[in-house]
Amino acid sequence: MTPRPSTASVSDFGLPLRASHRSMGDESRYLRATVGWTLLLYAALALAVAEVLAAGWLLAVVPLVYVRLALAMHELLHLRAGARVPAFHRLAMIFDTPFGLGLREHRAIHLRHHRHSAGAHDPELFQLRGGHLHAFAAALLVPELSLWHWLRRHGLSTALAREALLRSVCFAAIAALNPLAFLVYWLALRLSIGASGFVFHHLLHQRDGRLGTFALPGTPMLFKLGRLLFGDEAMLILQRHRAHHLWPQLRVRELPDLPPELALPPGALDDARRSAAALR
């Protein structure tokens, strides 16, 4: 029998909701990491476009680099406001779509996901709900669907139009240099986006048709393979995702291991905040 969801109280785990354990050192670390992984992605693409590297290798290289980049960028979203990151980061230019969003918009979407996790106002709801095939298809289309939902809610700002146009020009220019190599890169990247989004959103936020925030399903061998391919921190943010939703300001290694049967229903963060206020 699947356990019924239960809401974690701040006092259950002895961690203050508003304590800040992140530092300037953390910011610098993730700024460097995101630059490094992005440049490595560029290098792999450049070698394939120049036909130094067979394009088929991108099918193996891109997923390994993209997942590490995405998870480092996720940590950066919680550390710095979009206006405080360098222009290199703000552009979020990995050529995933001809016309898409940048870091500022993705950060706003992610923080709203935290505020309304798995609820009616969660901007990521389109890839949380539905069956596995529906959720995976939605995850594959995240760059376009996120843009569509953003424009419906916020419209097209001058800054977004300017940065999206620059991304579009670069996308078209690189694709024109070597269409076949770029197509292989783009397919590998979009499959990586779809697979990681499916795990990070759907598998962690739906269980047996119920929305919420749940433990990551899997076996010890699968988690060991994940650590080998993507690193310890990447797997920790997946395995401790419920705790991350309760304490997003904590470093991933400082998040508690919650009981496997505990699930956070929609609105759990608001409940935790009310519990913290009652304790003061």
Protein backbone atom coordinates (compact mmCIF):
# COMPACT_ATOMS: atom_id res chain seq x y z
CA MET A 1 0.00 0.00 0.00
CA THR A 2 1.32 3.46 -0.92
CA PRO A 3 1.69 5.66 2.20
CA ARG A 4 -0.57 8.66 2.39
CA PRO A 5 1.23 12.00 1.92
CA SER A 6 2.16 13.80 5.11
CA THR A 7 3.49 17.32 5.60
CA ALA A 8 6.85 17.80 7.27
CA SER A 9 7.02 20.32 10.08
CA VAL A 10 10.11 22.50 10.47
CA SER A 11 10.48 21.26 14.03
CA ASP A 12 10.55 17.62 12.89
CA PHE A 13 14.10 17.91 11.61
CA GLY A 14 15.57 20.65 13.76
CA LEU A 15 16.40 22.98 10.88
CA PRO A 16 15.33 26.66 10.83
CA LEU A 17 13.34 27.59 7.74
CA ARG A 18 15.07 30.91 7.18
CA ALA A 19 18.63 30.07 8.20
CA SER A 20 21.12 31.00 5.51
CA HIS A 21 23.97 28.52 5.08
CA ARG A 22 25.03 29.54 1.60
CA SER A 23 28.02 31.83 1.18
CA MET A 24 29.83 33.94 -1.38
CA GLY A 25 32.12 30.94 -1.84
CA ASP A 26 29.13 28.88 -2.97
CA GLU A 27 28.19 31.59 -5.48
CA SER A 28 31.69 31.69 -6.93
CA ARG A 29 31.83 27.91 -7.11
CA TYR A 30 28.61 27.60 -9.10
CA LEU A 31 29.45 30.58 -11.29
CA ARG A 32 32.71 28.84 -12.23
CA ALA A 33 31.02 25.46 -12.64
CA THR A 34 28.32 26.77 -14.97
CA VAL A 35 30.88 28.59 -17.10
CA GLY A 36 33.08 25.51 -17.25
CA TRP A 37 30.33 23.07 -18.23
CA THR A 38 28.92 25.52 -20.81
CA LEU A 39 32.33 25.98 -22.41
CA LEU A 40 32.80 22.22 -22.50
CA LEU A 41 29.45 21.91 -24.27
CA TYR A 42 30.59 24.57 -26.75
CA ALA A 43 33.90 22.78 -27.28
CA ALA A 44 32.20 19.48 -28.07
CA LEU A 45 29.85 21.22 -30.52
CA ALA A 46 32.72 23.14 -32.14
CA LEU A 47 34.76 19.96 -32.64
CA ALA A 48 31.79 18.25 -34.27
CA VAL A 49 30.98 21.25 -36.48
CA ALA A 50 34.65 21.40 -37.56
CA GLU A 51 34.51 17.62 -38.18
CA VAL A 52 37.40 17.02 -35.79
CA LEU A 53 35.06 14.92 -33.65
CA ALA A 54 32.55 12.54 -35.22
CA ALA A 55 29.08 13.95 -34.62
CA GLY A 56 27.93 10.63 -33.18
CA TRP A 57 30.09 11.23 -30.10
CA LEU A 58 27.79 14.11 -29.16
CA LEU A 59 25.11 11.55 -28.29
CA ALA A 60 27.32 10.43 -25.39
CA VAL A 61 29.05 13.70 -24.49
CA VAL A 62 26.08 16.10 -24.47
CA PRO A 63 23.93 14.26 -21.87
CA LEU A 64 26.86 13.90 -19.44
CA VAL A 65 27.76 17.59 -19.71
CA TYR A 66 24.21 18.95 -19.87
CA VAL A 67 23.01 17.25 -16.67
CA ARG A 68 25.96 18.58 -14.68
CA LEU A 69 25.45 22.04 -16.17
CA ALA A 70 21.72 22.03 -15.45
CA LEU A 71 22.15 20.97 -11.82
CA ALA A 72 24.90 23.55 -11.23
CA MET A 73 22.66 26.19 -12.80
CA HIS A 74 19.81 25.06 -10.53
CA GLU A 75 21.97 25.77 -7.49
CA LEU A 76 22.91 29.17 -8.93
CA LEU A 77 19.23 30.04 -9.35
CA HIS A 78 18.90 29.84 -5.57
CA LEU A 79 22.02 31.89 -4.92
CA ARG A 80 21.85 34.95 -7.15
CA ALA A 81 19.17 37.15 -8.61
CA GLY A 82 19.08 37.13 -12.40
CA ALA A 83 20.20 40.78 -12.52
CA ARG A 84 23.35 39.94 -10.53
CA VAL A 85 24.77 37.22 -12.75
CA PRO A 86 27.16 37.98 -15.62
CA ALA A 87 25.73 38.46 -19.11
CA PHE A 88 27.23 35.09 -20.11
CA HIS A 89 24.92 33.36 -17.62
CA ARG A 90 21.98 35.63 -18.26
CA LEU A 91 21.86 34.59 -21.90
CA ALA A 92 21.68 30.87 -20.98
CA MET A 93 22.78 30.23 -24.56
CA ILE A 94 23.10 26.50 -25.16
CA PHE A 95 21.15 26.53 -28.46
CA ASP A 96 18.25 24.41 -27.24
CA THR A 97 15.60 26.33 -29.19
CA PRO A 98 15.60 29.00 -31.90
CA PHE A 99 13.71 31.49 -29.71
CA GLY A 100 13.54 30.94 -25.97
CA LEU A 101 13.92 32.29 -22.46
CA GLY A 102 17.03 33.36 -20.56
CA LEU A 103 18.22 32.84 -17.02
CA ARG A 104 16.13 35.64 -15.49
CA GLU A 105 12.91 34.14 -16.80
CA HIS A 106 13.89 30.57 -15.91
CA ARG A 107 14.78 31.70 -12.39
CA ALA A 108 11.42 33.39 -11.92
CA ILE A 109 9.67 30.23 -13.15
CA HIS A 110 11.70 28.00 -10.83
CA LEU A 111 11.13 30.14 -7.74
CA ARG A 112 7.42 30.25 -8.49
CA HIS A 113 7.51 26.45 -8.77
CA HIS A 114 8.93 26.39 -5.24
CA ARG A 115 6.21 28.72 -3.95
CA HIS A 116 3.37 26.75 -5.53
CA SER A 117 4.94 23.30 -5.87
CA ALA A 118 2.53 20.85 -7.54
CA GLY A 119 -0.34 23.24 -6.94
CA ALA A 120 -2.70 24.93 -9.37
CA HIS A 121 -0.36 27.94 -9.77
CA ASP A 122 2.83 25.93 -10.32
CA PRO A 123 4.27 27.12 -13.69
CA GLU A 124 5.81 23.66 -14.16
CA LEU A 125 2.46 21.90 -13.76
CA PHE A 126 2.31 21.03 -17.47
CA GLN A 127 5.20 18.57 -17.03
CA LEU A 128 4.16 17.28 -13.60
CA ARG A 129 0.68 16.01 -14.29
CA GLY A 130 -0.62 13.34 -16.65
CA GLY A 131 0.76 9.92 -17.51
CA HIS A 132 4.42 9.14 -18.09
CA LEU A 133 4.22 9.55 -21.88
CA HIS A 134 2.40 12.87 -21.60
CA ALA A 135 4.90 14.14 -19.02
CA PHE A 136 7.91 13.04 -21.09
CA ALA A 137 6.49 14.71 -24.21
CA ALA A 138 5.93 17.91 -22.22
CA ALA A 139 9.49 17.73 -20.84
CA LEU A 140 10.85 17.42 -24.39
CA LEU A 141 9.03 20.63 -25.28
CA VAL A 142 9.96 22.60 -22.15
CA PRO A 143 11.92 25.36 -24.00
CA GLU A 144 8.92 26.18 -26.22
CA LEU A 145 6.16 25.56 -23.65
CA SER A 146 7.96 27.65 -21.03
CA LEU A 147 8.25 30.50 -23.54
CA TRP A 148 4.56 30.19 -24.43
CA HIS A 149 3.42 30.26 -20.79
CA TRP A 150 5.79 33.14 -20.01
CA LEU A 151 4.54 35.28 -22.88
CA ARG A 152 0.92 34.64 -21.93
CA ARG A 153 1.60 35.73 -18.35
CA HIS A 154 4.21 38.49 -18.77
CA GLY A 155 4.32 39.49 -22.42
CA LEU A 156 7.49 40.19 -24.40
CA SER A 157 9.80 42.66 -22.68
CA THR A 158 12.48 44.62 -24.52
CA ALA A 159 15.25 42.77 -22.66
CA LEU A 160 13.78 39.35 -23.45
CA ALA A 161 13.26 40.27 -27.11
CA ARG A 162 16.84 41.55 -27.44
CA GLU A 163 18.44 38.54 -25.76
CA ALA A 164 16.19 36.02 -27.51
CA LEU A 165 17.06 37.58 -30.87
CA LEU A 166 20.78 37.22 -30.12
CA ARG A 167 20.27 33.57 -29.17
CA SER A 168 18.30 33.05 -32.39
CA VAL A 169 21.03 34.55 -34.59
CA CYS A 170 23.71 32.41 -32.94
CA PHE A 171 21.49 29.31 -33.21
CA ALA A 172 20.98 29.88 -36.96
CA ALA A 173 24.63 30.74 -37.63
CA ILE A 174 26.01 27.61 -35.98
CA ALA A 175 23.36 25.40 -37.57
CA ALA A 176 24.33 26.79 -41.00
CA LEU A 177 28.01 25.92 -40.52
CA ASN A 178 27.37 22.18 -40.33
CA PRO A 179 23.67 21.28 -40.36
CA LEU A 180 24.20 17.55 -39.76
CA ALA A 181 26.53 17.98 -36.77
CA PHE A 182 24.26 20.63 -35.29
CA LEU A 183 21.21 18.39 -35.75
CA VAL A 184 22.92 15.58 -33.83
CA TYR A 185 23.89 18.07 -31.08
CA TRP A 186 20.35 19.48 -30.94
CA LEU A 187 18.71 16.05 -30.77
CA ALA A 188 21.10 14.91 -28.03
CA LEU A 189 20.47 18.13 -26.10
CA ARG A 190 16.69 17.97 -26.42
CA LEU A 191 16.61 14.32 -25.34
CA SER A 192 18.77 15.29 -22.36
CA ILE A 193 16.41 18.14 -21.49
CA GLY A 194 13.42 15.82 -21.81
CA ALA A 195 14.90 13.00 -19.74
CA SER A 196 16.21 15.24 -16.96
CA GLY A 197 12.97 17.22 -16.83
CA PHE A 198 10.94 14.02 -16.68
CA VAL A 199 12.96 12.82 -13.67
CA PHE A 200 13.38 16.17 -11.91
CA HIS A 201 9.74 17.19 -12.28
CA HIS A 202 7.38 14.33 -13.09
CA LEU A 203 8.97 11.47 -11.13
CA LEU A 204 9.61 13.67 -8.11
CA HIS A 205 6.23 15.41 -8.11
CA GLN A 206 3.70 12.74 -9.02
CA ARG A 207 3.06 9.31 -7.62
CA ASP A 208 0.13 7.08 -8.64
CA GLY A 209 -1.74 10.07 -10.02
CA ARG A 210 -1.23 12.16 -6.84
CA LEU A 211 0.64 15.46 -7.11
CA GLY A 212 3.14 16.45 -4.44
CA THR A 213 6.86 16.05 -3.78
CA PHE A 214 8.00 12.46 -3.34
CA ALA A 215 11.14 10.38 -2.82
CA LEU A 216 13.04 9.49 -5.97
CA PRO A 217 12.13 5.96 -7.08
CA GLY A 218 15.05 3.68 -7.85
CA THR A 219 17.42 1.02 -6.61
CA PRO A 220 20.81 1.42 -4.86
CA MET A 221 22.51 0.20 -8.04
CA LEU A 222 20.73 2.86 -10.10
CA PHE A 223 21.74 5.59 -7.64
CA LYS A 224 25.35 4.33 -7.72
CA LEU A 225 25.36 4.51 -11.52
CA GLY A 226 23.90 8.02 -11.35
CA ARG A 227 26.68 9.16 -9.01
CA LEU A 228 29.28 7.64 -11.32
CA LEU A 229 27.88 9.40 -14.41
CA PHE A 230 26.75 12.74 -12.99
CA GLY A 231 28.50 13.17 -9.64
CA ASP A 232 27.48 12.94 -5.98
CA GLU A 233 25.85 16.37 -5.78
CA ALA A 234 23.66 15.73 -8.80
CA MET A 235 22.23 12.61 -7.20
CA LEU A 236 21.90 14.25 -3.79
CA ILE A 237 19.64 17.02 -5.13
CA LEU A 238 17.42 14.32 -6.59
CA GLN A 239 17.42 12.09 -3.50
CA ARG A 240 16.92 15.03 -1.12
CA HIS A 241 14.50 16.95 -3.31
CA ARG A 242 11.73 16.92 -0.70
CA ALA A 243 14.07 18.51 1.83
CA HIS A 244 15.23 20.99 -0.82
CA HIS A 245 11.63 22.17 -1.22
CA LEU A 246 11.38 22.75 2.54
CA TRP A 247 14.83 24.34 2.94
CA PRO A 248 15.90 25.71 -0.48
CA GLN A 249 18.47 28.01 1.18
CA LEU A 250 20.56 25.08 2.46
CA ARG A 251 23.46 23.49 0.62
CA VAL A 252 22.44 20.17 -0.84
CA ARG A 253 24.94 18.30 1.36
CA GLU A 254 23.38 19.86 4.47
CA LEU A 255 19.84 18.80 3.62
CA PRO A 256 18.44 16.04 5.85
CA ASP A 257 17.58 12.57 4.60
CA LEU A 258 13.81 12.45 5.03
CA PRO A 259 12.03 9.14 5.65
CA PRO A 260 11.29 7.38 2.33
CA GLU A 261 7.56 7.17 3.10
CA LEU A 262 7.20 10.91 3.71
CA ALA A 263 5.59 12.88 0.88
CA LEU A 264 5.01 16.62 0.69
CA PRO A 265 1.54 17.47 -0.62
CA PRO A 266 0.92 20.67 -2.61
CA GLY A 267 1.34 23.67 -0.33
CA ALA A 268 3.82 21.95 2.00
CA LEU A 269 6.19 24.93 1.96
CA ASP A 270 3.41 27.29 3.04
CA ASP A 271 2.50 24.87 5.83
CA ALA A 272 6.13 24.78 6.95
CA ARG A 273 6.29 28.57 7.00
CA ARG A 274 3.16 28.71 9.16
CA SER A 275 4.71 26.13 11.49
CA ALA A 276 7.89 28.20 11.76
CA ALA A 277 5.87 31.34 12.52
CA ALA A 278 3.97 29.48 15.25
CA LEU A 279 7.24 28.37 16.85
CA ARG A 280 8.56 31.93 17.12
